[in-house]
Structures are given as structure tokens and as C-alpha cells.
């Protein structure tokens, strides 16, 4: 009986240590782990993730492609997770891709840089029948406000998704 209690106690301690490590890891590795477990344990999350993955990208040059096909093509590690925003009640599906090469030099208002090996994140904010897509590159939100920003935000999203599928645009 003593041996059994030692084994159980050891398992509990190991589980506690692993959970502690899981809680303190940064966002990308945390969500990478979550992306393996969540579809198995949460059917609603799996359904929402699949719905977002199967959305058409809506870009003329990438006609017929879904977001899953477009954003996962040129990244080394990809993961999709689902969250419920408790403040707004919106559902949020997040995509993370590591190792993307993106040229944003034509977008100085978006911190225009040449990224190699970037971590790209897309937040698909679902509010009723509307889906707002917010791109992030290396933790920087690529979404500006004010003036004619709505059209400019669409351009940056289109550029990022296109480059994730077709590869980085050459510097001109």
C-alpha cells in the first residue's frame, strides 16, 4: 500500500510541475500544446476552428483557397486554437505560424520591415455572422485606426496571406 501511495504522490507532483510549466510558457508554445488537446476535448472548439480553416481567403490571386491552405503552406509549425472572449462574448479562433518570410517594406505605416523566420498570428474574431481578421507579425498588430485605415488594413492582410502562400515578395 505504501508503494502505491508513493507512485500516486509522484504522479500528482509530476502533473503539478508539468501544469506549472504549461502556465508560464510564452503564448506560442502554450497554444501549440493547447492545439493538440483542444480538438479532442472540446467539440465546439473543433467545429469553430474547422469553420474558420475552411473560409475562402477572398483574394483574387488565391481564388479557391481556404485560410488553412493559404497560411500553412510556407510556415514550419502551425497551430489553431479557440477561445471565448468573456468581456465581449465574441468567439476568437487564433492561428499561429512560425518561420514565415514576409516583406512589408511597402507598408511603412505598419512598421514596414523584412521579416524572416517570423511568428505570424491571425485572430479571427467571430461576432454573430461577421468575422474580423486581425494579423500580427512577430507580436506586432498589423491594424491601424483612423482615416482611410479600413482599406489599408485590407491591403496588409491580403499581402500577408498572399506571401504566406506564394512566398515572400522580392524587394523592388
Protein backbone atom coordinates (compact mmCIF):
# COMPACT_ATOMS: atom_id res chain seq x y z
CA UNK A 1 0.00 0.00 0.00
CA UNK A 2 2.86 2.38 0.82
CA UNK A 3 4.41 1.79 -2.59
CA UNK A 4 1.09 2.57 -4.32
CA UNK A 5 0.75 5.86 -2.41
CA UNK A 6 4.32 6.82 -3.35
CA UNK A 7 3.54 6.23 -7.03
CA UNK A 8 0.29 8.22 -6.84
CA UNK A 9 2.01 11.03 -4.95
CA UNK A 10 4.83 11.06 -7.55
CA UNK A 11 2.32 11.26 -10.41
CA UNK A 12 0.48 14.14 -8.70
CA UNK A 13 3.74 16.05 -8.21
CA UNK A 14 4.82 15.44 -11.81
CA UNK A 15 1.41 16.59 -13.09
CA UNK A 16 1.65 19.73 -10.95
CA UNK A 17 5.13 20.54 -12.25
CA UNK A 18 4.07 19.98 -15.88
CA UNK A 19 0.97 22.16 -15.39
CA UNK A 20 3.12 24.90 -13.83
CA UNK A 21 5.47 24.82 -16.80
CA UNK A 22 2.49 24.93 -19.19
CA UNK A 23 1.12 28.03 -17.45
CA UNK A 24 4.38 30.02 -17.60
CA UNK A 25 5.50 29.25 -21.18
CA UNK A 26 5.06 32.07 -23.73
CA UNK A 27 1.96 32.41 -25.91
CA UNK A 28 3.15 30.46 -28.96
CA UNK A 29 4.34 27.26 -27.22
CA UNK A 30 1.40 27.44 -24.82
CA UNK A 31 -1.06 27.47 -27.71
CA UNK A 32 0.89 24.82 -29.61
CA UNK A 33 0.26 22.43 -26.72
CA UNK A 34 -3.35 23.57 -26.45
CA UNK A 35 -3.92 22.95 -30.19
CA UNK A 36 -3.22 19.24 -29.73
CA UNK A 37 -5.54 18.79 -26.76
CA UNK A 38 -8.42 21.18 -27.53
CA UNK A 39 -9.92 19.44 -30.62
CA UNK A 40 -10.05 16.16 -28.70
CA UNK A 41 -11.69 17.56 -25.57
CA UNK A 42 -13.90 20.37 -26.94
CA UNK A 43 -16.22 19.56 -29.88
CA UNK A 44 -17.48 23.16 -30.19
CA UNK A 45 -13.92 24.49 -30.43
CA UNK A 46 -13.07 21.88 -33.06
CA UNK A 47 -16.14 22.87 -35.10
CA UNK A 48 -15.32 26.61 -34.95
CA UNK A 49 -11.69 26.04 -35.87
CA UNK A 50 -12.72 23.92 -38.86
CA UNK A 51 -15.22 26.58 -39.98
CA UNK A 52 -12.51 29.26 -39.94
CA UNK A 53 -9.97 27.00 -41.63
CA UNK A 54 -12.44 26.34 -44.45
CA UNK A 55 -13.29 30.03 -45.07
CA UNK A 56 -12.30 31.28 -48.51
CA UNK A 57 -9.45 33.80 -48.38
CA UNK A 58 -11.34 36.12 -50.74
CA UNK A 59 -8.22 37.19 -52.63
CA UNK A 60 -8.46 37.17 -56.43
CA UNK A 61 -4.93 35.77 -56.88
CA UNK A 62 -5.66 32.95 -54.42
CA UNK A 63 -9.14 32.07 -55.65
CA UNK A 64 -10.38 28.72 -54.41
CA UNK A 65 -8.03 28.57 -51.43
CA UNK A 66 -9.10 28.30 -47.82
CA UNK A 67 -7.29 30.02 -44.96
CA UNK A 68 -5.86 26.67 -43.86
CA UNK A 69 -4.31 26.03 -47.29
CA UNK A 70 -3.04 29.60 -47.68
CA UNK A 71 -1.44 30.30 -44.30
CA UNK A 72 0.04 26.89 -43.51
CA UNK A 73 1.91 26.39 -46.79
CA UNK A 74 5.14 28.27 -46.02
CA UNK A 75 5.35 28.03 -42.24
CA UNK A 76 7.26 25.43 -40.30
CA UNK A 77 4.97 24.98 -37.31
CA UNK A 78 1.28 25.86 -37.32
CA UNK A 79 -1.45 25.64 -34.74
CA UNK A 80 -5.08 26.70 -34.37
CA UNK A 81 -6.82 27.40 -31.05
CA UNK A 82 -10.26 28.59 -29.98
CA UNK A 83 -11.16 30.98 -27.16
CA UNK A 84 -14.30 32.65 -25.90
CA UNK A 85 -13.81 36.35 -25.09
CA UNK A 86 -15.64 36.74 -21.79
CA UNK A 87 -15.78 40.55 -21.97
CA UNK A 88 -17.42 40.87 -25.39
CA UNK A 89 -18.94 37.41 -25.80
CA UNK A 90 -17.16 37.06 -29.15
CA UNK A 91 -15.57 33.81 -30.21
CA UNK A 92 -11.94 34.00 -31.31
CA UNK A 93 -10.05 31.46 -33.39
CA UNK A 94 -6.31 32.07 -33.41
CA UNK A 95 -3.81 30.79 -35.93
CA UNK A 96 -0.08 30.73 -35.19
CA UNK A 97 2.56 30.02 -37.83
CA UNK A 98 6.28 30.03 -37.18
CA UNK A 99 9.02 30.56 -39.73
CA UNK A 100 7.24 32.85 -42.21
CA UNK A 101 9.17 35.19 -44.51
CA UNK A 102 7.24 38.39 -45.18
CA UNK A 103 8.25 41.63 -46.89
CA UNK A 104 6.24 44.60 -45.58
CA UNK A 105 8.57 47.34 -46.82
CA UNK A 106 5.74 48.80 -48.91
CA UNK A 107 3.76 49.36 -45.70
CA UNK A 108 5.75 51.90 -43.62
CA UNK A 109 2.67 52.76 -41.55
CA UNK A 110 2.68 49.12 -40.36
CA UNK A 111 6.29 49.16 -39.15
CA UNK A 112 7.33 48.10 -42.69
CA UNK A 113 10.14 45.58 -42.38
CA UNK A 114 11.50 42.49 -43.98
CA UNK A 115 10.74 39.53 -41.72
CA UNK A 116 12.46 36.17 -41.96
CA UNK A 117 11.52 33.41 -39.57
CA UNK A 118 8.63 35.44 -38.20
CA UNK A 119 5.84 34.21 -35.97
CA UNK A 120 2.57 35.17 -37.66
CA UNK A 121 -0.70 35.20 -35.77
CA UNK A 122 -4.20 35.74 -37.11
CA UNK A 123 -7.12 36.39 -34.82
CA UNK A 124 -10.47 35.53 -36.40
CA UNK A 125 -12.96 37.41 -34.20
CA UNK A 126 -16.42 35.92 -34.69
CA UNK A 127 -19.30 38.22 -33.78
CA UNK A 128 -22.64 36.85 -34.97
CA UNK A 129 -22.26 36.32 -38.72
CA UNK A 130 -19.27 38.67 -39.03
CA UNK A 131 -15.64 37.62 -38.91
CA UNK A 132 -12.95 40.25 -38.41
CA UNK A 133 -9.40 39.11 -39.16
CA UNK A 134 -6.53 40.76 -37.28
CA UNK A 135 -2.98 39.87 -38.39
CA UNK A 136 0.10 40.06 -36.15
CA UNK A 137 3.73 39.67 -37.24
CA UNK A 138 6.29 38.96 -34.51
CA UNK A 139 3.81 40.18 -31.90
CA UNK A 140 3.06 43.50 -33.65
CA UNK A 141 -0.59 44.06 -34.54
CA UNK A 142 -0.93 44.98 -38.22
CA UNK A 143 -4.09 47.00 -37.82
CA UNK A 144 -4.15 50.79 -37.75
CA UNK A 145 -7.06 53.07 -36.94
CA UNK A 146 -8.29 56.40 -38.24
CA UNK A 147 -8.73 57.93 -41.67
CA UNK A 148 -8.66 55.53 -44.62
CA UNK A 149 -7.27 52.74 -42.46
CA UNK A 150 -10.00 50.21 -43.26
CA UNK A 151 -8.87 49.79 -46.87
CA UNK A 152 -5.20 49.89 -45.87
CA UNK A 153 -5.82 47.16 -43.27
CA UNK A 154 -7.38 45.00 -46.01
CA UNK A 155 -4.29 45.55 -48.16
CA UNK A 156 -1.87 44.46 -45.43
CA UNK A 157 -3.98 41.38 -44.66
CA UNK A 158 -4.05 40.48 -48.36
CA UNK A 159 -0.29 40.97 -48.64
CA UNK A 160 0.49 38.82 -45.60
CA UNK A 161 -1.82 35.97 -46.64
CA UNK A 162 -0.54 36.08 -50.24
CA UNK A 163 3.09 35.94 -49.10
CA UNK A 164 2.36 33.11 -46.69
CA UNK A 165 1.01 31.10 -49.61
CA UNK A 166 3.20 32.19 -52.52
CA UNK A 167 6.36 33.07 -50.64
CA UNK A 168 7.90 36.41 -49.84
CA UNK A 169 7.64 39.16 -52.43
CA UNK A 170 11.04 40.25 -53.75
CA UNK A 171 12.38 43.62 -52.67
CA UNK A 172 11.98 46.07 -55.54
